[in-house]
Structure formats: C-alpha cells, structure tokens
C-alpha cells in the first residue's frame, strides 16, 4: 500500500493539478549525441523551462549529479535509465544504465526508459521494461516508457498501426505513462489514445518550426493525449522560454495556437 501511495503522489507532481496533463522537457541526449547546443549549460535551460510552465525534466544521472541541486528541486525530475550512443553500430539497442534504487537515492520523481520495437534487440529491451516496471511498483516510482516502432522491420515509425501497438505494449508491461510518436492526424492519434489504458504523451521528434510545434501540441491534446515531451525543439530554440510558455498554454489552458502565440510573447519574434 505504501508503494501505491508513493507512486500516486509522484504522479500528481508530474501532471498539472487542474488540466491533468503534462509538459516534459527531455534532456537525455548527452549520451546519444554528446553536448548538443542548448544542453551545454544544463542549469540555464532548466531555469528557463521551469519558469515558463514545464512540469518535469528528463535526464540521466549526470544531470542530477552535475547540476545545482537547489535549482533542480524547483521542477520534478525523471531519471532516464536506458541509453545508447550514436557511435555504436546499432544506436537502436538501448541498454540499462541505472536502477530504481538509484532513482530513489537521487530523489527522482519517476523513471524513464526508452524501448524500440521492430529490430534485432527488441526482445531484451522488452525484458528490461518488464524488469524496471516491477522495480517501480515496489519502489513506488511512476514509470514513463518511451515506446517507438523503430528498427529493421519498421518501414514507417509514424504509421498508426505501428504506433498503437507499441503504445499498448508499454501499458501492458506496466508503464504508468507512454511517450510515443504522433501519427500525423488527430483522428489517427485518437486510435492510439483509445488503445492505450494509460496517459499517452507525444514526442517532439525532428526539428520543426515553433508554430508547427505548438500546432503539434494542440492536435495531440485534441486527440486525447495527456501532454507532450519536447526536447530539441525547445532547448535549441532561439526563444526557449517563450516557446515553453506557448506550449504550456495550449496543453494546460486549452489556448488556440494563435492565442498562445500572442500570450507567450512569441509574436515578438520572426519565426
């Protein structure tokens, strides 16, 4: 019972109390891609997004260990526990790099894991998902599963049939939140949400314009999604604070794209 209460409490910290949705900023790119622009200075971007409506950040142990802890208390933190490098022969093969016990020691609010389905290594990754889901239930930690149809057997990572299958796999193996690709339309993404019994949030994906990103958030929410997890499109933006605010207004306040554009201050910039 105590672990159930702990998980419920931590989930409430990650989701907005009124909207029941979340805006997460993943900052776990350092292992895969090295010191990307926008993430060279962790502390600066953490300050910016936390002051402009983000509900949580996602990162590896290094983000917790090498940043100002006092600063990190201002926003919930999800410890990302899987990794690969783009220097590898197969970056789609994600392996364990941390544990639920370490997440508790670091005062993490939840755990995040990346799972790719459709390649040579999806079997061990599925086993890892099952293992960490059990550990999270014992520890009272919520689990976010980043579920992607990705690998040699996948022709289209955004196809609704592929996306709704991997989202359901995440829920079936015990994830409390599933992050996955947006399928390109409100109607198709509704199928993903309908087929997944836990909250579904969308990934930001490759670089797109600021207005397209806000539209993406709006469409996902209209389809029944429970939030967004936008990384590079936020922290590599010339105006990450205003853009975080615009996305948050859409996700939490049901602003239209144009309303959020004006209210956030994005209208001051030529984007």
C-alpha atoms as a PDB file:
ATOM      1  CA  UNK A   1       0.000   0.000   0.000  1.00  0.00           C
ATOM      2  CA  UNK A   2       2.804   2.458   0.834  1.00  0.00           C
ATOM      3  CA  UNK A   3       4.383   1.983  -2.604  1.00  0.00           C
ATOM      4  CA  UNK A   4       1.000   2.645  -4.248  1.00  0.00           C
ATOM      5  CA  UNK A   5       0.634   5.890  -2.281  1.00  0.00           C
ATOM      6  CA  UNK A   6       4.175   6.927  -3.185  1.00  0.00           C
ATOM      7  CA  UNK A   7       3.548   6.345  -6.882  1.00  0.00           C
ATOM      8  CA  UNK A   8       0.259   8.251  -6.784  1.00  0.00           C
ATOM      9  CA  UNK A   9       1.901  11.204  -5.024  1.00  0.00           C
ATOM     10  CA  UNK A  10       4.754  11.368  -7.513  1.00  0.00           C
ATOM     11  CA  UNK A  11       2.396  11.158 -10.492  1.00  0.00           C
ATOM     12  CA  UNK A  12       0.483  14.129  -9.118  1.00  0.00           C
ATOM     13  CA  UNK A  13       3.722  16.126  -9.108  1.00  0.00           C
ATOM     14  CA  UNK A  14       4.336  15.371 -12.788  1.00  0.00           C
ATOM     15  CA  UNK A  15       0.840  16.230 -14.046  1.00  0.00           C
ATOM     16  CA  UNK A  16      -0.730  19.688 -13.770  1.00  0.00           C
ATOM     17  CA  UNK A  17      -3.312  19.675 -10.930  1.00  0.00           C
ATOM     18  CA  UNK A  18      -6.046  21.364 -12.988  1.00  0.00           C
ATOM     19  CA  UNK A  19      -5.547  20.131 -16.532  1.00  0.00           C
ATOM     20  CA  UNK A  20      -4.342  16.638 -15.628  1.00  0.00           C
ATOM     21  CA  UNK A  21      -1.746  17.000 -18.390  1.00  0.00           C
ATOM     22  CA  UNK A  22       1.996  17.473 -18.542  1.00  0.00           C
ATOM     23  CA  UNK A  23       4.724  19.313 -20.424  1.00  0.00           C
ATOM     24  CA  UNK A  24       8.015  17.434 -20.106  1.00  0.00           C
ATOM     25  CA  UNK A  25      11.401  18.557 -21.391  1.00  0.00           C
ATOM     26  CA  UNK A  26      13.726  15.612 -22.087  1.00  0.00           C
ATOM     27  CA  UNK A  27      17.427  16.396 -21.646  1.00  0.00           C
ATOM     28  CA  UNK A  28      18.760  12.864 -22.025  1.00  0.00           C
ATOM     29  CA  UNK A  29      20.513  13.495 -25.358  1.00  0.00           C
ATOM     30  CA  UNK A  30      24.045  13.797 -23.977  1.00  0.00           C
ATOM     31  CA  UNK A  31      24.784  10.068 -24.074  1.00  0.00           C
ATOM     32  CA  UNK A  32      23.395   9.525 -27.543  1.00  0.00           C
ATOM     33  CA  UNK A  33      24.578  12.701 -29.229  1.00  0.00           C
ATOM     34  CA  UNK A  34      27.036  14.412 -26.907  1.00  0.00           C
ATOM     35  CA  UNK A  35      26.945  18.097 -25.843  1.00  0.00           C
ATOM     36  CA  UNK A  36      24.219  19.392 -28.139  1.00  0.00           C
ATOM     37  CA  UNK A  37      23.710  23.110 -28.446  1.00  0.00           C
ATOM     38  CA  UNK A  38      21.142  24.145 -25.877  1.00  0.00           C
ATOM     39  CA  UNK A  39      22.317  21.486 -23.416  1.00  0.00           C
ATOM     40  CA  UNK A  40      25.908  22.572 -22.930  1.00  0.00           C
ATOM     41  CA  UNK A  41      24.739  24.545 -19.888  1.00  0.00           C
ATOM     42  CA  UNK A  42      22.179  22.385 -18.046  1.00  0.00           C
ATOM     43  CA  UNK A  43      21.432  24.952 -15.388  1.00  0.00           C
ATOM     44  CA  UNK A  44      20.472  27.742 -17.753  1.00  0.00           C
ATOM     45  CA  UNK A  45      17.905  25.703 -19.686  1.00  0.00           C
ATOM     46  CA  UNK A  46      16.489  24.134 -16.510  1.00  0.00           C
ATOM     47  CA  UNK A  47      15.845  27.616 -15.141  1.00  0.00           C
ATOM     48  CA  UNK A  48      14.206  28.759 -18.363  1.00  0.00           C
ATOM     49  CA  UNK A  49      11.773  25.871 -18.812  1.00  0.00           C
ATOM     50  CA  UNK A  50      10.863  25.577 -15.132  1.00  0.00           C
ATOM     51  CA  UNK A  51       9.956  29.262 -15.001  1.00  0.00           C
ATOM     52  CA  UNK A  52       7.782  29.056 -18.116  1.00  0.00           C
ATOM     53  CA  UNK A  53       5.378  26.231 -17.408  1.00  0.00           C
ATOM     54  CA  UNK A  54       7.246  22.951 -17.863  1.00  0.00           C
ATOM     55  CA  UNK A  55       6.079  20.269 -15.432  1.00  0.00           C
ATOM     56  CA  UNK A  56       9.102  17.962 -15.456  1.00  0.00           C
ATOM     57  CA  UNK A  57      12.513  17.337 -16.965  1.00  0.00           C
ATOM     58  CA  UNK A  58      14.013  14.016 -18.032  1.00  0.00           C
ATOM     59  CA  UNK A  59      17.716  13.271 -17.814  1.00  0.00           C
ATOM     60  CA  UNK A  60      20.442  10.806 -16.980  1.00  0.00           C
ATOM     61  CA  UNK A  61      22.256  10.580 -13.671  1.00  0.00           C
ATOM     62  CA  UNK A  62      24.762  13.198 -14.770  1.00  0.00           C
ATOM     63  CA  UNK A  63      22.125  15.889 -14.941  1.00  0.00           C
ATOM     64  CA  UNK A  64      21.302  15.254 -11.286  1.00  0.00           C
ATOM     65  CA  UNK A  65      24.912  14.841 -10.175  1.00  0.00           C
ATOM     66  CA  UNK A  66      26.494  17.741 -12.030  1.00  0.00           C
ATOM     67  CA  UNK A  67      23.830  20.428 -11.682  1.00  0.00           C
ATOM     68  CA  UNK A  68      22.853  22.745  -8.861  1.00  0.00           C
ATOM     69  CA  UNK A  69      20.679  20.557  -6.646  1.00  0.00           C
ATOM     70  CA  UNK A  70      18.898  23.528  -5.126  1.00  0.00           C
ATOM     71  CA  UNK A  71      17.902  24.572  -8.611  1.00  0.00           C
ATOM     72  CA  UNK A  72      16.736  21.066  -9.511  1.00  0.00           C
ATOM     73  CA  UNK A  73      14.253  20.962  -6.639  1.00  0.00           C
ATOM     74  CA  UNK A  74      12.109  23.540  -8.450  1.00  0.00           C
ATOM     75  CA  UNK A  75      10.910  21.035 -11.062  1.00  0.00           C
ATOM     76  CA  UNK A  76      10.149  17.285 -10.930  1.00  0.00           C
ATOM     77  CA  UNK A  77      12.884  15.049 -12.327  1.00  0.00           C
ATOM     78  CA  UNK A  78      12.582  11.744 -14.196  1.00  0.00           C
ATOM     79  CA  UNK A  79      15.738   9.623 -14.183  1.00  0.00           C
ATOM     80  CA  UNK A  80      16.325   8.101 -17.619  1.00  0.00           C
ATOM     81  CA  UNK A  81      17.752   4.611 -17.129  1.00  0.00           C
ATOM     82  CA  UNK A  82      18.436   3.346 -20.662  1.00  0.00           C
ATOM     83  CA  UNK A  83      20.973   4.523 -23.199  1.00  0.00           C
ATOM     84  CA  UNK A  84      22.938   4.004 -26.382  1.00  0.00           C
ATOM     85  CA  UNK A  85      25.425   6.084 -28.364  1.00  0.00           C
ATOM     86  CA  UNK A  86      25.223   7.166 -31.983  1.00  0.00           C
ATOM     87  CA  UNK A  87      28.836   6.000 -32.213  1.00  0.00           C
ATOM     88  CA  UNK A  88      27.541   2.435 -31.858  1.00  0.00           C
ATOM     89  CA  UNK A  89      26.891   0.107 -34.777  1.00  0.00           C
ATOM     90  CA  UNK A  90      23.238  -0.005 -33.683  1.00  0.00           C
ATOM     91  CA  UNK A  91      22.060   3.006 -31.649  1.00  0.00           C
ATOM     92  CA  UNK A  92      18.569   1.482 -31.512  1.00  0.00           C
ATOM     93  CA  UNK A  93      19.827  -1.057 -28.967  1.00  0.00           C
ATOM     94  CA  UNK A  94      19.057   0.577 -25.615  1.00  0.00           C
ATOM     95  CA  UNK A  95      20.605  -0.987 -22.506  1.00  0.00           C
ATOM     96  CA  UNK A  96      20.137  -0.492 -18.771  1.00  0.00           C
ATOM     97  CA  UNK A  97      22.398   2.170 -17.265  1.00  0.00           C
ATOM     98  CA  UNK A  98      20.650   2.690 -13.933  1.00  0.00           C
ATOM     99  CA  UNK A  99      18.165   1.245 -11.443  1.00  0.00           C
ATOM    100  CA  UNK A 100      15.074   2.142  -9.456  1.00  0.00           C
ATOM    101  CA  UNK A 101      17.108   2.026  -6.263  1.00  0.00           C
ATOM    102  CA  UNK A 102      19.480   4.671  -7.610  1.00  0.00           C
ATOM    103  CA  UNK A 103      16.494   6.775  -8.694  1.00  0.00           C
ATOM    104  CA  UNK A 104      15.251   6.804  -5.099  1.00  0.00           C
ATOM    105  CA  UNK A 105      18.717   7.760  -3.825  1.00  0.00           C
ATOM    106  CA  UNK A 106      18.725  10.683  -6.265  1.00  0.00           C
ATOM    107  CA  UNK A 107      15.267  11.781  -5.115  1.00  0.00           C
ATOM    108  CA  UNK A 108      13.870  11.293  -8.612  1.00  0.00           C
ATOM    109  CA  UNK A 109      10.132  11.696  -9.032  1.00  0.00           C
ATOM    110  CA  UNK A 110       9.873   8.960 -11.662  1.00  0.00           C
ATOM    111  CA  UNK A 111      11.830   6.748 -14.035  1.00  0.00           C
ATOM    112  CA  UNK A 112      12.029   6.928 -17.823  1.00  0.00           C
ATOM    113  CA  UNK A 113      13.076   4.144 -20.191  1.00  0.00           C
ATOM    114  CA  UNK A 114      13.414   4.049 -23.993  1.00  0.00           C
ATOM    115  CA  UNK A 115      12.188   0.950 -25.845  1.00  0.00           C
ATOM    116  CA  UNK A 116      12.442   0.378 -29.604  1.00  0.00           C
ATOM    117  CA  UNK A 117      10.225  -2.317 -31.109  1.00  0.00           C
ATOM    118  CA  UNK A 118      10.880  -3.809 -34.529  1.00  0.00           C
ATOM    119  CA  UNK A 119      14.590  -4.530 -34.575  1.00  0.00           C
ATOM    120  CA  UNK A 120      17.136  -7.162 -33.616  1.00  0.00           C
ATOM    121  CA  UNK A 121      17.262  -6.165 -29.950  1.00  0.00           C
ATOM    122  CA  UNK A 122      13.637  -5.609 -29.032  1.00  0.00           C
ATOM    123  CA  UNK A 123      13.393  -8.863 -27.027  1.00  0.00           C
ATOM    124  CA  UNK A 124      15.975  -7.858 -24.378  1.00  0.00           C
ATOM    125  CA  UNK A 125      14.527  -4.349 -24.313  1.00  0.00           C
ATOM    126  CA  UNK A 126      11.066  -5.788 -23.599  1.00  0.00           C
ATOM    127  CA  UNK A 127      12.582  -7.863 -20.804  1.00  0.00           C
ATOM    128  CA  UNK A 128      14.181  -4.698 -19.403  1.00  0.00           C
ATOM    129  CA  UNK A 129      10.833  -2.908 -19.498  1.00  0.00           C
ATOM    130  CA  UNK A 130       9.184  -5.706 -17.548  1.00  0.00           C
ATOM    131  CA  UNK A 131      12.007  -5.733 -15.007  1.00  0.00           C
ATOM    132  CA  UNK A 132      12.001  -1.993 -14.348  1.00  0.00           C
ATOM    133  CA  UNK A 133       8.187  -1.909 -14.181  1.00  0.00           C
ATOM    134  CA  UNK A 134       8.327  -4.443 -11.333  1.00  0.00           C
ATOM    135  CA  UNK A 135      11.043  -2.445  -9.582  1.00  0.00           C
ATOM    136  CA  UNK A 136       8.986   0.725  -9.930  1.00  0.00           C
ATOM    137  CA  UNK A 137       5.909  -0.893  -8.391  1.00  0.00           C
ATOM    138  CA  UNK A 138       7.986  -1.993  -5.413  1.00  0.00           C
ATOM    139  CA  UNK A 139       9.668   1.397  -5.041  1.00  0.00           C
ATOM    140  CA  UNK A 140       6.532   3.486  -5.556  1.00  0.00           C
ATOM    141  CA  UNK A 141       8.038   5.219  -8.591  1.00  0.00           C
ATOM    142  CA  UNK A 142       5.998   6.093 -11.694  1.00  0.00           C
ATOM    143  CA  UNK A 143       7.379   4.727 -14.957  1.00  0.00           C
ATOM    144  CA  UNK A 144       7.418   6.582 -18.279  1.00  0.00           C
ATOM    145  CA  UNK A 145       8.031   4.254 -21.223  1.00  0.00           C
ATOM    146  CA  UNK A 146       9.228   5.881 -24.437  1.00  0.00           C
ATOM    147  CA  UNK A 147       7.796   3.409 -26.948  1.00  0.00           C
ATOM    148  CA  UNK A 148       8.851   3.662 -30.580  1.00  0.00           C
ATOM    149  CA  UNK A 149       8.304   1.405 -33.613  1.00  0.00           C
ATOM    150  CA  UNK A 150      11.885   1.557 -34.800  1.00  0.00           C
ATOM    151  CA  UNK A 151      14.240  -0.945 -36.385  1.00  0.00           C
ATOM    152  CA  UNK A 152      14.895  -3.161 -39.384  1.00  0.00           C
ATOM    153  CA  UNK A 153      11.299  -4.435 -39.536  1.00  0.00           C
ATOM    154  CA  UNK A 154       9.676  -0.997 -39.427  1.00  0.00           C
ATOM    155  CA  UNK A 155       9.003   0.890 -42.649  1.00  0.00           C
ATOM    156  CA  UNK A 156       7.118   3.809 -41.089  1.00  0.00           C
ATOM    157  CA  UNK A 157       7.653   4.924 -37.485  1.00  0.00           C
ATOM    158  CA  UNK A 158       4.534   7.114 -37.637  1.00  0.00           C
ATOM    159  CA  UNK A 159       2.069   4.569 -39.033  1.00  0.00           C
ATOM    160  CA  UNK A 160      -0.917   4.372 -36.705  1.00  0.00           C
ATOM    161  CA  UNK A 161      -0.933   0.568 -36.627  1.00  0.00           C
ATOM    162  CA  UNK A 162       2.701   0.510 -35.523  1.00  0.00           C
ATOM    163  CA  UNK A 163       2.338   3.308 -33.000  1.00  0.00           C
ATOM    164  CA  UNK A 164      -0.791   1.990 -31.325  1.00  0.00           C
ATOM    165  CA  UNK A 165       0.818  -1.455 -30.957  1.00  0.00           C
ATOM    166  CA  UNK A 166       3.945  -0.182 -29.241  1.00  0.00           C
ATOM    167  CA  UNK A 167       1.933   2.157 -27.013  1.00  0.00           C
ATOM    168  CA  UNK A 168      -0.198  -0.775 -25.872  1.00  0.00           C
ATOM    169  CA  UNK A 169       2.918  -2.879 -25.230  1.00  0.00           C
ATOM    170  CA  UNK A 170       4.183  -0.200 -22.846  1.00  0.00           C
ATOM    171  CA  UNK A 171       0.951  -0.178 -20.894  1.00  0.00           C
ATOM    172  CA  UNK A 172       0.676  -3.977 -20.850  1.00  0.00           C
ATOM    173  CA  UNK A 173       4.137  -4.312 -19.321  1.00  0.00           C
ATOM    174  CA  UNK A 174       3.391  -1.854 -16.535  1.00  0.00           C
ATOM    175  CA  UNK A 175       4.222   1.677 -17.662  1.00  0.00           C
ATOM    176  CA  UNK A 176       2.242   4.456 -15.990  1.00  0.00           C
ATOM    177  CA  UNK A 177       2.790   6.881 -18.895  1.00  0.00           C
ATOM    178  CA  UNK A 178       3.599   6.139 -22.526  1.00  0.00           C
ATOM    179  CA  UNK A 179       5.500   8.537 -24.765  1.00  0.00           C
ATOM    180  CA  UNK A 180       5.369   7.842 -28.478  1.00  0.00           C
ATOM    181  CA  UNK A 181       5.264   9.363 -31.948  1.00  0.00           C
ATOM    182  CA  UNK A 182       2.398  11.496 -33.166  1.00  0.00           C
ATOM    183  CA  UNK A 183       0.758   9.730 -36.108  1.00  0.00           C
ATOM    184  CA  UNK A 184       0.177  12.787 -38.256  1.00  0.00           C
ATOM    185  CA  UNK A 185      -3.523  13.438 -37.755  1.00  0.00           C
ATOM    186  CA  UNK A 186      -5.965  13.943 -34.917  1.00  0.00           C
ATOM    187  CA  UNK A 187      -8.186  11.042 -35.995  1.00  0.00           C
ATOM    188  CA  UNK A 188      -5.344   8.538 -36.268  1.00  0.00           C
ATOM    189  CA  UNK A 189      -3.823   9.585 -32.953  1.00  0.00           C
ATOM    190  CA  UNK A 190      -7.206   9.111 -31.292  1.00  0.00           C
ATOM    191  CA  UNK A 191      -6.806   5.419 -32.135  1.00  0.00           C
ATOM    192  CA  UNK A 192      -3.506   5.335 -30.263  1.00  0.00           C
ATOM    193  CA  UNK A 193      -5.008   7.017 -27.197  1.00  0.00           C
ATOM    194  CA  UNK A 194      -8.109   4.811 -27.269  1.00  0.00           C
ATOM    195  CA  UNK A 195      -5.997   1.664 -27.413  1.00  0.00           C
ATOM    196  CA  UNK A 196      -3.724   2.594 -24.514  1.00  0.00           C
ATOM    197  CA  UNK A 197      -5.117   2.421 -20.952  1.00  0.00           C
ATOM    198  CA  UNK A 198      -2.545   4.843 -19.505  1.00  0.00           C
ATOM    199  CA  UNK A 199      -1.847   8.505 -20.362  1.00  0.00           C
ATOM    200  CA  UNK A 200      -0.178   8.992 -23.742  1.00  0.00           C
ATOM    201  CA  UNK A 201       2.152  11.915 -24.433  1.00  0.00           C
ATOM    202  CA  UNK A 202       3.865  12.746 -27.704  1.00  0.00           C
ATOM    203  CA  UNK A 203       7.491  13.160 -28.677  1.00  0.00           C
ATOM    204  CA  UNK A 204       8.649  16.286 -30.473  1.00  0.00           C
ATOM    205  CA  UNK A 205      10.795  14.451 -32.979  1.00  0.00           C
ATOM    206  CA  UNK A 206      12.983  16.196 -35.520  1.00  0.00           C
ATOM    207  CA  UNK A 207      13.353  19.956 -35.779  1.00  0.00           C
ATOM    208  CA  UNK A 208      10.235  21.840 -36.875  1.00  0.00           C
ATOM    209  CA  UNK A 209       9.178  25.473 -36.743  1.00  0.00           C
ATOM    210  CA  UNK A 210       7.964  26.952 -33.476  1.00  0.00           C
ATOM    211  CA  UNK A 211       4.431  27.419 -34.760  1.00  0.00           C
ATOM    212  CA  UNK A 212       4.317  23.850 -36.093  1.00  0.00           C
ATOM    213  CA  UNK A 213       5.438  22.608 -32.671  1.00  0.00           C
ATOM    214  CA  UNK A 214       2.615  24.477 -30.946  1.00  0.00           C
ATOM    215  CA  UNK A 215       0.162  23.121 -33.522  1.00  0.00           C
ATOM    216  CA  UNK A 216       1.501  19.618 -32.868  1.00  0.00           C
ATOM    217  CA  UNK A 217       0.793  20.030 -29.153  1.00  0.00           C
ATOM    218  CA  UNK A 218      -2.697  21.364 -29.872  1.00  0.00           C
ATOM    219  CA  UNK A 219      -3.572  18.470 -32.187  1.00  0.00           C
ATOM    220  CA  UNK A 220      -2.303  15.871 -29.710  1.00  0.00           C
ATOM    221  CA  UNK A 221      -4.420  17.350 -26.920  1.00  0.00           C
ATOM    222  CA  UNK A 222      -7.498  17.467 -29.166  1.00  0.00           C
ATOM    223  CA  UNK A 223      -6.953  13.781 -29.922  1.00  0.00           C
ATOM    224  CA  UNK A 224      -6.993  12.946 -26.198  1.00  0.00           C
ATOM    225  CA  UNK A 225      -3.281  12.999 -25.469  1.00  0.00           C
ATOM    226  CA  UNK A 226      -2.223  13.915 -21.953  1.00  0.00           C
ATOM    227  CA  UNK A 227       0.709  16.082 -22.818  1.00  0.00           C
ATOM    228  CA  UNK A 228       3.972  16.484 -24.657  1.00  0.00           C
ATOM    229  CA  UNK A 229       7.642  15.696 -24.239  1.00  0.00           C
ATOM    230  CA  UNK A 230       9.536  18.220 -26.366  1.00  0.00           C
ATOM    231  CA  UNK A 231      13.323  18.307 -26.210  1.00  0.00           C
ATOM    232  CA  UNK A 232      15.456  19.689 -29.038  1.00  0.00           C
ATOM    233  CA  UNK A 233      12.625  21.802 -30.409  1.00  0.00           C
ATOM    234  CA  UNK A 234      12.548  23.614 -27.056  1.00  0.00           C
ATOM    235  CA  UNK A 235      16.131  23.755 -25.800  1.00  0.00           C
ATOM    236  CA  UNK A 236      17.579  24.549 -29.236  1.00  0.00           C
ATOM    237  CA  UNK A 237      15.003  27.242 -29.932  1.00  0.00           C
ATOM    238  CA  UNK A 238      16.271  30.847 -30.050  1.00  0.00           C
ATOM    239  CA  UNK A 239      13.448  31.608 -27.590  1.00  0.00           C
ATOM    240  CA  UNK A 240      13.026  28.536 -25.357  1.00  0.00           C
ATOM    241  CA  UNK A 241      11.221  30.375 -22.562  1.00  0.00           C
ATOM    242  CA  UNK A 242       8.518  31.885 -24.731  1.00  0.00           C
ATOM    243  CA  UNK A 243       8.097  28.639 -26.656  1.00  0.00           C
ATOM    244  CA  UNK A 244       7.768  26.589 -23.448  1.00  0.00           C
ATOM    245  CA  UNK A 245       5.134  29.036 -22.256  1.00  0.00           C
ATOM    246  CA  UNK A 246       3.226  28.843 -25.548  1.00  0.00           C
ATOM    247  CA  UNK A 247       3.168  25.038 -25.452  1.00  0.00           C
ATOM    248  CA  UNK A 248       2.103  25.078 -21.790  1.00  0.00           C
ATOM    249  CA  UNK A 249      -0.807  27.429 -22.535  1.00  0.00           C
ATOM    250  CA  UNK A 250      -2.051  25.048 -25.222  1.00  0.00           C
ATOM    251  CA  UNK A 251      -1.623  21.946 -23.061  1.00  0.00           C
ATOM    252  CA  UNK A 252      -2.969  23.298 -19.766  1.00  0.00           C
ATOM    253  CA  UNK A 253      -5.248  26.202 -20.657  1.00  0.00           C
ATOM    254  CA  UNK A 254      -6.659  24.974 -23.988  1.00  0.00           C
ATOM    255  CA  UNK A 255      -5.424  28.091 -25.769  1.00  0.00           C
ATOM    256  CA  UNK A 256      -5.545  28.060 -29.538  1.00  0.00           C
ATOM    257  CA  UNK A 257      -2.264  28.209 -31.399  1.00  0.00           C
ATOM    258  CA  UNK A 258      -2.749  31.884 -32.180  1.00  0.00           C
ATOM    259  CA  UNK A 259      -3.806  32.748 -28.623  1.00  0.00           C
ATOM    260  CA  UNK A 260      -0.747  31.032 -27.182  1.00  0.00           C
ATOM    261  CA  UNK A 261       1.486  32.699 -29.777  1.00  0.00           C
ATOM    262  CA  UNK A 262       0.319  36.124 -28.676  1.00  0.00           C
ATOM    263  CA  UNK A 263       0.135  35.486 -24.935  1.00  0.00           C
ATOM    264  CA  UNK A 264       3.556  33.874 -24.659  1.00  0.00           C
ATOM    265  CA  UNK A 265       5.384  36.667 -26.435  1.00  0.00           C
ATOM    266  CA  UNK A 266       6.325  34.529 -29.429  1.00  0.00           C
ATOM    267  CA  UNK A 267       4.644  37.147 -31.628  1.00  0.00           C
ATOM    268  CA  UNK A 268       7.614  39.444 -30.957  1.00  0.00           C
ATOM    269  CA  UNK A 269       9.897  37.221 -32.996  1.00  0.00           C
ATOM    270  CA  UNK A 270      10.015  36.372 -36.666  1.00  0.00           C
ATOM    271  CA  UNK A 271       9.873  32.565 -36.588  1.00  0.00           C
END
